[in-house]
Amino acid sequence: MLKRKKMNKLIILSVFQFGMLWSCHAQHRVDGTIQNCSQEYDSTLRHLVYSNVSRMPEFDKGEIGLLRFFKANFRYPEKQDFFQGSINLVFIVDTNGRVKDGHILKKSNTELTLLDKEALRVLSIMPRWKAGSCEGQKVPVRMFWPVKF
């Protein structure tokens, strides 16, 4: 009886793992990009913005280049409102690779700290990115980037 329960658990686990592998395979192409693109209408920008695309936007020289750019341009305010462990930046990389509509996740302009404002300033001076694409066509993509201090 005990041996049979172990065998049943093993079969269930194998089926579950196969299902997970199959679902991951079904969502990705051979080159590792996602087939289905997710989009939503942005009422502020008055057009569609994508959040899940075939090829995500890329900063020149990748994540390391992005971190170097941020570190080189971020000026830690001498007089800060309070210590903040991280800032959750949200922005859109448009079809030309420009960074637009930068804001802090779940904060209004009246709630911004000096650190938030400085992070947004650095975001506003970023050079162009390589635009993201959906099925080979360039599309505007909403990006989320947590910056930790």
N, C-alpha and C. Protein backbone atom coordinates (compact mmCIF):
# COMPACT_ATOMS: atom_id res chain seq x y z
N MET A 1 0.82 -1.20 0.00
CA MET A 1 0.00 0.00 0.00
C MET A 1 0.87 1.27 0.00
N LEU A 2 1.90 1.28 0.85
CA LEU A 2 2.80 2.42 0.94
C LEU A 2 3.55 2.62 -0.37
N LYS A 3 3.96 1.51 -0.98
CA LYS A 3 4.66 1.57 -2.26
C LYS A 3 3.76 2.15 -3.35
N ARG A 4 2.49 1.80 -3.30
CA ARG A 4 1.52 2.29 -4.29
C ARG A 4 1.32 3.80 -4.16
N LYS A 5 1.26 4.32 -2.92
CA LYS A 5 1.11 5.77 -2.70
C LYS A 5 2.32 6.53 -3.24
N LYS A 6 3.51 5.97 -3.00
CA LYS A 6 4.72 6.60 -3.53
C LYS A 6 4.70 6.64 -5.05
N MET A 7 4.25 5.54 -5.65
CA MET A 7 4.18 5.46 -7.10
C MET A 7 3.17 6.48 -7.64
N ASN A 8 2.02 6.63 -6.98
CA ASN A 8 1.01 7.61 -7.40
C ASN A 8 1.56 9.03 -7.32
N LYS A 9 2.28 9.33 -6.22
CA LYS A 9 2.88 10.66 -6.07
C LYS A 9 3.89 10.92 -7.18
N LEU A 10 4.69 9.91 -7.48
CA LEU A 10 5.69 10.03 -8.53
C LEU A 10 5.04 10.29 -9.89
N ILE A 11 3.96 9.58 -10.18
CA ILE A 11 3.25 9.77 -11.45
C ILE A 11 2.65 11.17 -11.52
N ILE A 12 2.02 11.60 -10.43
CA ILE A 12 1.41 12.94 -10.40
C ILE A 12 2.48 14.01 -10.58
N LEU A 13 3.60 13.85 -9.88
CA LEU A 13 4.70 14.80 -9.99
C LEU A 13 5.25 14.85 -11.42
N SER A 14 5.38 13.69 -12.04
CA SER A 14 5.89 13.63 -13.42
C SER A 14 4.94 14.32 -14.39
N VAL A 15 3.64 14.08 -14.22
CA VAL A 15 2.63 14.71 -15.08
C VAL A 15 2.67 16.23 -14.89
N PHE A 16 2.78 16.68 -13.63
CA PHE A 16 2.84 18.11 -13.34
C PHE A 16 4.07 18.74 -14.00
N GLN A 17 5.23 18.10 -13.85
CA GLN A 17 6.45 18.63 -14.46
C GLN A 17 6.35 18.68 -15.97
N PHE A 18 5.79 17.63 -16.57
CA PHE A 18 5.61 17.62 -18.02
C PHE A 18 4.69 18.76 -18.45
N GLY A 19 3.61 18.96 -17.68
CA GLY A 19 2.68 20.05 -17.99
C GLY A 19 3.35 21.41 -17.91
N MET A 20 4.19 21.60 -16.89
CA MET A 20 4.90 22.87 -16.75
C MET A 20 5.87 23.08 -17.92
N LEU A 21 6.60 22.05 -18.27
CA LEU A 21 7.52 22.16 -19.40
C LEU A 21 6.77 22.46 -20.69
N TRP A 22 5.66 21.79 -20.90
CA TRP A 22 4.87 21.98 -22.11
C TRP A 22 4.31 23.40 -22.18
N SER A 23 3.81 23.92 -21.03
CA SER A 23 3.24 25.27 -21.05
C SER A 23 4.32 26.31 -21.30
N CYS A 24 5.51 26.12 -20.73
CA CYS A 24 6.61 27.06 -20.99
C CYS A 24 7.03 26.98 -22.45
N HIS A 25 7.08 25.79 -22.99
CA HIS A 25 7.45 25.61 -24.39
C HIS A 25 6.41 26.26 -25.31
N ALA A 26 5.15 26.17 -24.95
CA ALA A 26 4.09 26.71 -25.79
C ALA A 26 4.13 28.24 -25.84
N GLN A 27 4.70 28.88 -24.81
CA GLN A 27 4.73 30.33 -24.77
C GLN A 27 5.98 30.92 -25.40
N HIS A 28 6.97 30.12 -25.69
CA HIS A 28 8.23 30.65 -26.21
C HIS A 28 8.55 30.12 -27.59
N ARG A 29 9.19 30.95 -28.36
CA ARG A 29 9.67 30.54 -29.67
C ARG A 29 10.99 29.82 -29.50
N VAL A 30 11.53 29.38 -30.60
CA VAL A 30 12.82 28.72 -30.58
C VAL A 30 13.91 29.68 -30.11
N ASP A 31 13.82 30.97 -30.48
CA ASP A 31 14.85 31.93 -30.10
C ASP A 31 14.66 32.47 -28.68
N GLY A 32 13.69 31.96 -27.94
CA GLY A 32 13.51 32.34 -26.55
C GLY A 32 12.62 33.56 -26.34
N THR A 33 11.98 34.07 -27.37
CA THR A 33 11.11 35.23 -27.20
C THR A 33 9.67 34.78 -27.04
N ILE A 34 8.88 35.60 -26.41
CA ILE A 34 7.48 35.27 -26.14
C ILE A 34 6.64 35.54 -27.38
N GLN A 35 5.77 34.60 -27.71
CA GLN A 35 4.95 34.76 -28.91
C GLN A 35 3.82 35.77 -28.72
N ASN A 36 3.08 35.67 -27.64
CA ASN A 36 1.93 36.53 -27.44
C ASN A 36 2.35 37.85 -26.82
N CYS A 37 1.88 38.95 -27.38
CA CYS A 37 2.20 40.27 -26.86
C CYS A 37 0.98 40.80 -26.12
N SER A 38 1.21 41.36 -24.93
CA SER A 38 0.13 41.93 -24.13
C SER A 38 0.13 43.44 -24.29
N GLN A 39 -1.05 44.00 -24.50
CA GLN A 39 -1.16 45.44 -24.68
C GLN A 39 -2.33 45.97 -23.88
N GLU A 40 -2.27 47.27 -23.58
CA GLU A 40 -3.37 47.94 -22.89
C GLU A 40 -3.43 49.38 -23.38
N TYR A 41 -4.60 49.97 -23.28
CA TYR A 41 -4.77 51.36 -23.70
C TYR A 41 -4.34 52.27 -22.56
N ASP A 42 -3.44 53.19 -22.82
CA ASP A 42 -3.00 54.16 -21.83
C ASP A 42 -3.77 55.45 -22.07
N SER A 43 -4.66 55.79 -21.13
CA SER A 43 -5.52 56.96 -21.32
C SER A 43 -4.74 58.27 -21.25
N THR A 44 -3.63 58.30 -20.52
CA THR A 44 -2.81 59.51 -20.45
C THR A 44 -2.12 59.76 -21.78
N LEU A 45 -1.54 58.72 -22.34
CA LEU A 45 -0.82 58.85 -23.62
C LEU A 45 -1.75 58.74 -24.82
N ARG A 46 -2.94 58.22 -24.60
CA ARG A 46 -3.97 58.04 -25.63
C ARG A 46 -3.56 57.10 -26.75
N HIS A 47 -2.88 56.03 -26.39
CA HIS A 47 -2.59 54.98 -27.37
C HIS A 47 -2.24 53.68 -26.65
N LEU A 48 -2.10 52.62 -27.42
CA LEU A 48 -1.77 51.31 -26.85
C LEU A 48 -0.32 51.27 -26.39
N VAL A 49 -0.12 50.61 -25.26
CA VAL A 49 1.22 50.39 -24.71
C VAL A 49 1.32 48.91 -24.39
N TYR A 50 2.44 48.33 -24.71
CA TYR A 50 2.66 46.90 -24.50
C TYR A 50 3.41 46.67 -23.19
N SER A 51 3.13 45.53 -22.56
CA SER A 51 3.86 45.17 -21.35
C SER A 51 4.61 43.86 -21.52
N ASN A 52 4.21 43.08 -22.48
CA ASN A 52 4.83 41.78 -22.74
C ASN A 52 5.01 41.68 -24.25
N VAL A 53 6.24 41.65 -24.71
CA VAL A 53 6.50 41.69 -26.15
C VAL A 53 7.48 40.60 -26.57
N SER A 54 7.60 40.41 -27.86
CA SER A 54 8.53 39.41 -28.40
C SER A 54 9.96 39.73 -28.03
N ARG A 55 10.32 41.02 -28.14
CA ARG A 55 11.67 41.45 -27.77
C ARG A 55 11.56 42.71 -26.93
N MET A 56 12.01 42.62 -25.69
CA MET A 56 11.93 43.76 -24.77
C MET A 56 12.94 44.83 -25.19
N PRO A 57 12.64 46.10 -24.88
CA PRO A 57 13.61 47.17 -25.15
C PRO A 57 14.92 46.91 -24.41
N GLU A 58 16.01 47.37 -24.99
CA GLU A 58 17.32 47.17 -24.38
C GLU A 58 18.08 48.48 -24.32
N PHE A 59 18.70 48.72 -23.19
CA PHE A 59 19.59 49.86 -23.04
C PHE A 59 20.90 49.50 -23.72
N ASP A 60 21.57 50.50 -24.31
CA ASP A 60 22.86 50.25 -24.95
C ASP A 60 23.81 49.63 -23.92
N LYS A 61 24.45 48.56 -24.28
CA LYS A 61 25.36 47.80 -23.40
C LYS A 61 24.61 47.09 -22.28
N GLY A 62 23.32 46.87 -22.44
CA GLY A 62 22.55 46.04 -21.52
C GLY A 62 22.36 46.60 -20.12
N GLU A 63 22.07 45.69 -19.19
CA GLU A 63 21.80 46.10 -17.82
C GLU A 63 23.01 46.74 -17.16
N ILE A 64 24.19 46.24 -17.46
CA ILE A 64 25.40 46.83 -16.88
C ILE A 64 25.56 48.27 -17.35
N GLY A 65 25.30 48.52 -18.63
CA GLY A 65 25.36 49.88 -19.16
C GLY A 65 24.33 50.78 -18.50
N LEU A 66 23.14 50.25 -18.26
CA LEU A 66 22.07 51.01 -17.60
C LEU A 66 22.49 51.38 -16.18
N LEU A 67 23.02 50.42 -15.44
CA LEU A 67 23.46 50.69 -14.07
C LEU A 67 24.60 51.69 -14.04
N ARG A 68 25.52 51.59 -14.98
CA ARG A 68 26.64 52.55 -15.06
C ARG A 68 26.13 53.96 -15.36
N PHE A 69 25.19 54.06 -16.31
CA PHE A 69 24.62 55.36 -16.64
C PHE A 69 23.94 55.96 -15.42
N PHE A 70 23.14 55.16 -14.75
CA PHE A 70 22.41 55.65 -13.58
C PHE A 70 23.38 56.09 -12.49
N LYS A 71 24.38 55.28 -12.22
CA LYS A 71 25.36 55.60 -11.17
C LYS A 71 26.14 56.87 -11.51
N ALA A 72 26.51 57.04 -12.77
CA ALA A 72 27.28 58.20 -13.19
C ALA A 72 26.47 59.49 -13.12
N ASN A 73 25.16 59.41 -13.29
CA ASN A 73 24.33 60.61 -13.37
C ASN A 73 23.50 60.90 -12.13
N PHE A 74 23.33 59.93 -11.26
CA PHE A 74 22.51 60.12 -10.06
C PHE A 74 23.31 60.88 -9.01
N ARG A 75 22.73 61.97 -8.54
CA ARG A 75 23.35 62.79 -7.49
C ARG A 75 22.52 62.62 -6.22
N TYR A 76 23.06 61.90 -5.25
CA TYR A 76 22.34 61.65 -4.01
C TYR A 76 22.11 62.97 -3.30
N PRO A 77 20.86 63.34 -3.05
CA PRO A 77 20.56 64.65 -2.44
C PRO A 77 21.17 64.76 -1.03
N GLU A 78 21.80 65.89 -0.76
CA GLU A 78 22.37 66.11 0.58
C GLU A 78 21.26 66.15 1.62
N LYS A 79 20.19 66.84 1.27
CA LYS A 79 19.06 66.97 2.18
C LYS A 79 17.93 66.10 1.63
N GLN A 80 17.76 64.92 2.19
CA GLN A 80 16.71 64.03 1.71
C GLN A 80 15.53 64.05 2.68
N ASP A 81 14.35 63.75 2.18
CA ASP A 81 13.16 63.74 3.02
C ASP A 81 13.24 62.65 4.08
N PHE A 82 13.57 61.43 3.66
CA PHE A 82 13.73 60.29 4.57
C PHE A 82 14.43 59.18 3.79
N PHE A 83 14.98 58.22 4.53
CA PHE A 83 15.65 57.10 3.87
C PHE A 83 14.65 56.27 3.10
N GLN A 84 15.02 55.88 1.91
CA GLN A 84 14.16 55.04 1.09
C GLN A 84 15.01 53.91 0.53
N GLY A 85 14.59 52.67 0.74
CA GLY A 85 15.36 51.52 0.31
C GLY A 85 15.33 51.27 -1.18
N SER A 86 14.21 51.57 -1.82
CA SER A 86 14.13 51.37 -3.27
C SER A 86 13.11 52.32 -3.88
N ILE A 87 13.29 52.55 -5.16
CA ILE A 87 12.36 53.37 -5.94
C ILE A 87 11.91 52.52 -7.11
N ASN A 88 10.62 52.42 -7.31
CA ASN A 88 10.08 51.63 -8.41
C ASN A 88 9.73 52.54 -9.57
N LEU A 89 10.65 52.64 -10.52
CA LEU A 89 10.45 53.49 -11.69
C LEU A 89 9.57 52.78 -12.72
N VAL A 90 8.69 53.54 -13.32
CA VAL A 90 7.85 53.04 -14.41
C VAL A 90 8.01 54.04 -15.55
N PHE A 91 8.25 53.52 -16.75
CA PHE A 91 8.41 54.41 -17.91
C PHE A 91 8.08 53.63 -19.17
N ILE A 92 7.99 54.36 -20.26
CA ILE A 92 7.68 53.75 -21.55
C ILE A 92 8.86 54.00 -22.49
N VAL A 93 9.28 52.95 -23.17
CA VAL A 93 10.26 53.10 -24.24
C VAL A 93 9.45 53.08 -25.53
N ASP A 94 9.43 54.21 -26.25
CA ASP A 94 8.59 54.30 -27.45
C ASP A 94 9.24 53.60 -28.64
N THR A 95 8.58 53.68 -29.79
CA THR A 95 9.04 52.98 -30.98
C THR A 95 10.37 53.52 -31.52
N ASN A 96 10.74 54.74 -31.11
CA ASN A 96 12.03 55.31 -31.50
C ASN A 96 13.10 55.11 -30.44
N GLY A 97 12.75 54.42 -29.34
CA GLY A 97 13.71 54.15 -28.28
C GLY A 97 13.81 55.23 -27.23
N ARG A 98 12.96 56.26 -27.33
CA ARG A 98 12.98 57.34 -26.34
C ARG A 98 12.26 56.91 -25.06
N VAL A 99 12.77 57.37 -23.92
CA VAL A 99 12.13 57.11 -22.63
C VAL A 99 11.10 58.20 -22.39
N LYS A 100 9.86 57.79 -22.09
CA LYS A 100 8.76 58.74 -21.90
C LYS A 100 7.95 58.37 -20.66
N ASP A 101 7.16 59.32 -20.21
CA ASP A 101 6.17 59.11 -19.15
C ASP A 101 6.76 58.45 -17.91
N GLY A 102 7.92 58.93 -17.48
CA GLY A 102 8.53 58.38 -16.27
C GLY A 102 7.79 58.80 -15.02
N HIS A 103 7.52 57.86 -14.15
CA HIS A 103 6.91 58.16 -12.86
C HIS A 103 7.28 57.07 -11.86
N ILE A 104 6.95 57.32 -10.61
CA ILE A 104 7.22 56.37 -9.54
C ILE A 104 5.95 55.58 -9.28
N LEU A 105 6.07 54.28 -9.24
CA LEU A 105 4.92 53.40 -9.04
C LEU A 105 4.21 53.72 -7.73
N LYS A 106 2.90 53.92 -7.82
CA LYS A 106 2.01 54.15 -6.68
C LYS A 106 2.34 55.41 -5.88
N LYS A 107 2.85 56.44 -6.56
CA LYS A 107 3.09 57.73 -5.91
C LYS A 107 2.61 58.85 -6.80
N SER A 108 1.96 59.82 -6.19
CA SER A 108 1.57 61.01 -6.94
C SER A 108 2.72 62.02 -6.87
N ASN A 109 2.65 63.05 -7.68
CA ASN A 109 3.71 64.06 -7.70
C ASN A 109 3.89 64.75 -6.35
N THR A 110 2.82 64.85 -5.57
CA THR A 110 2.92 65.50 -4.26
C THR A 110 3.59 64.61 -3.22
N GLU A 111 3.71 63.33 -3.48
CA GLU A 111 4.31 62.38 -2.54
C GLU A 111 5.78 62.09 -2.83
N LEU A 112 6.34 62.69 -3.85
CA LEU A 112 7.70 62.37 -4.25
C LEU A 112 8.74 62.90 -3.26
N THR A 113 9.71 62.05 -2.95
CA THR A 113 10.83 62.46 -2.10
C THR A 113 11.92 63.06 -3.00
N LEU A 114 12.96 63.58 -2.38
CA LEU A 114 14.08 64.11 -3.16
C LEU A 114 14.76 63.00 -3.96
N LEU A 115 14.84 61.80 -3.38
CA LEU A 115 15.41 60.66 -4.10
C LEU A 115 14.57 60.30 -5.32
N ASP A 116 13.25 60.32 -5.15
CA ASP A 116 12.34 60.04 -6.27
C ASP A 116 12.55 61.04 -7.40
N LYS A 117 12.61 62.30 -7.04
CA LYS A 117 12.78 63.37 -8.04
C LYS A 117 14.10 63.24 -8.78
N GLU A 118 15.15 62.87 -8.05
CA GLU A 118 16.46 62.70 -8.68
C GLU A 118 16.45 61.50 -9.63
N ALA A 119 15.81 60.42 -9.23
CA ALA A 119 15.72 59.24 -10.10
C ALA A 119 14.95 59.59 -11.38
N LEU A 120 13.88 60.37 -11.26
CA LEU A 120 13.12 60.79 -12.44
C LEU A 120 13.94 61.72 -13.32
N ARG A 121 14.76 62.57 -12.71
CA ARG A 121 15.63 63.45 -13.50
C ARG A 121 16.60 62.63 -14.34
N VAL A 122 17.22 61.63 -13.71
CA VAL A 122 18.16 60.78 -14.44
C VAL A 122 17.43 60.03 -15.55
N LEU A 123 16.23 59.56 -15.27
CA LEU A 123 15.44 58.87 -16.28
C LEU A 123 15.16 59.79 -17.47
N SER A 124 14.92 61.07 -17.19
CA SER A 124 14.59 62.02 -18.26
C SER A 124 15.77 62.34 -19.18
N ILE A 125 17.00 62.10 -18.73
CA ILE A 125 18.17 62.41 -19.57
C ILE A 125 18.78 61.16 -20.20
N MET A 126 18.11 60.04 -20.06
CA MET A 126 18.64 58.80 -20.63
C MET A 126 18.73 58.88 -22.15
N PRO A 127 19.77 58.28 -22.70
CA PRO A 127 19.84 58.20 -24.16
C PRO A 127 18.82 57.19 -24.68
N ARG A 128 18.69 57.14 -25.99
CA ARG A 128 17.73 56.21 -26.59
C ARG A 128 18.09 54.76 -26.32
N TRP A 129 17.05 53.94 -26.22
CA TRP A 129 17.19 52.51 -26.07
C TRP A 129 16.97 51.85 -27.43
N LYS A 130 17.24 50.57 -27.52
CA LYS A 130 16.81 49.78 -28.68
C LYS A 130 15.35 49.47 -28.42
N ALA A 131 14.48 49.87 -29.33
CA ALA A 131 13.04 49.72 -29.13
C ALA A 131 12.63 48.26 -29.02
N GLY A 132 11.57 48.02 -28.27
CA GLY A 132 11.01 46.68 -28.17
C GLY A 132 10.16 46.38 -29.39
N SER A 133 9.88 45.09 -29.61
CA SER A 133 9.06 44.74 -30.77
C SER A 133 8.12 43.59 -30.45
N CYS A 134 7.03 43.58 -31.18
CA CYS A 134 6.03 42.52 -31.09
C CYS A 134 5.91 41.91 -32.48
N GLU A 135 6.28 40.66 -32.59
CA GLU A 135 6.22 39.95 -33.87
C GLU A 135 6.96 40.72 -34.97
N GLY A 136 8.12 41.30 -34.61
CA GLY A 136 8.95 41.99 -35.59
C GLY A 136 8.63 43.45 -35.81
N GLN A 137 7.55 43.98 -35.23
CA GLN A 137 7.18 45.38 -35.41
C GLN A 137 7.47 46.15 -34.12
N LYS A 138 8.12 47.31 -34.25
CA LYS A 138 8.44 48.12 -33.07
C LYS A 138 7.17 48.63 -32.42
N VAL A 139 7.12 48.53 -31.08
CA VAL A 139 5.95 48.96 -30.32
C VAL A 139 6.40 49.67 -29.05
N PRO A 140 5.56 50.59 -28.50
CA PRO A 140 5.90 51.21 -27.22
C PRO A 140 5.72 50.19 -26.09
N VAL A 141 6.69 50.14 -25.17
CA VAL A 141 6.66 49.14 -24.11
C VAL A 141 6.79 49.81 -22.74
N ARG A 142 5.89 49.44 -21.83
CA ARG A 142 5.96 49.92 -20.46
C ARG A 142 6.99 49.09 -19.70
N MET A 143 7.91 49.78 -19.04
CA MET A 143 8.99 49.12 -18.31
C MET A 143 8.87 49.41 -16.82
N PHE A 144 9.23 48.44 -16.01
CA PHE A 144 9.28 48.58 -14.55
C PHE A 144 10.73 48.32 -14.13
N TRP A 145 11.29 49.26 -13.37
CA TRP A 145 12.67 49.11 -12.94
C TRP A 145 12.82 49.51 -11.49
N PRO A 146 12.99 48.54 -10.60
CA PRO A 146 13.23 48.88 -9.19
C PRO A 146 14.68 49.28 -8.98
N VAL A 147 14.89 50.48 -8.46
CA VAL A 147 16.24 50.98 -8.18
C VAL A 147 16.43 50.90 -6.67
N LYS A 148 17.44 50.16 -6.25
CA LYS A 148 17.68 49.97 -4.81
C LYS A 148 18.86 50.80 -4.35
N PHE A 149 18.71 51.34 -3.14
CA PHE A 149 19.78 52.15 -2.54
C PHE A 149 20.33 51.45 -1.32
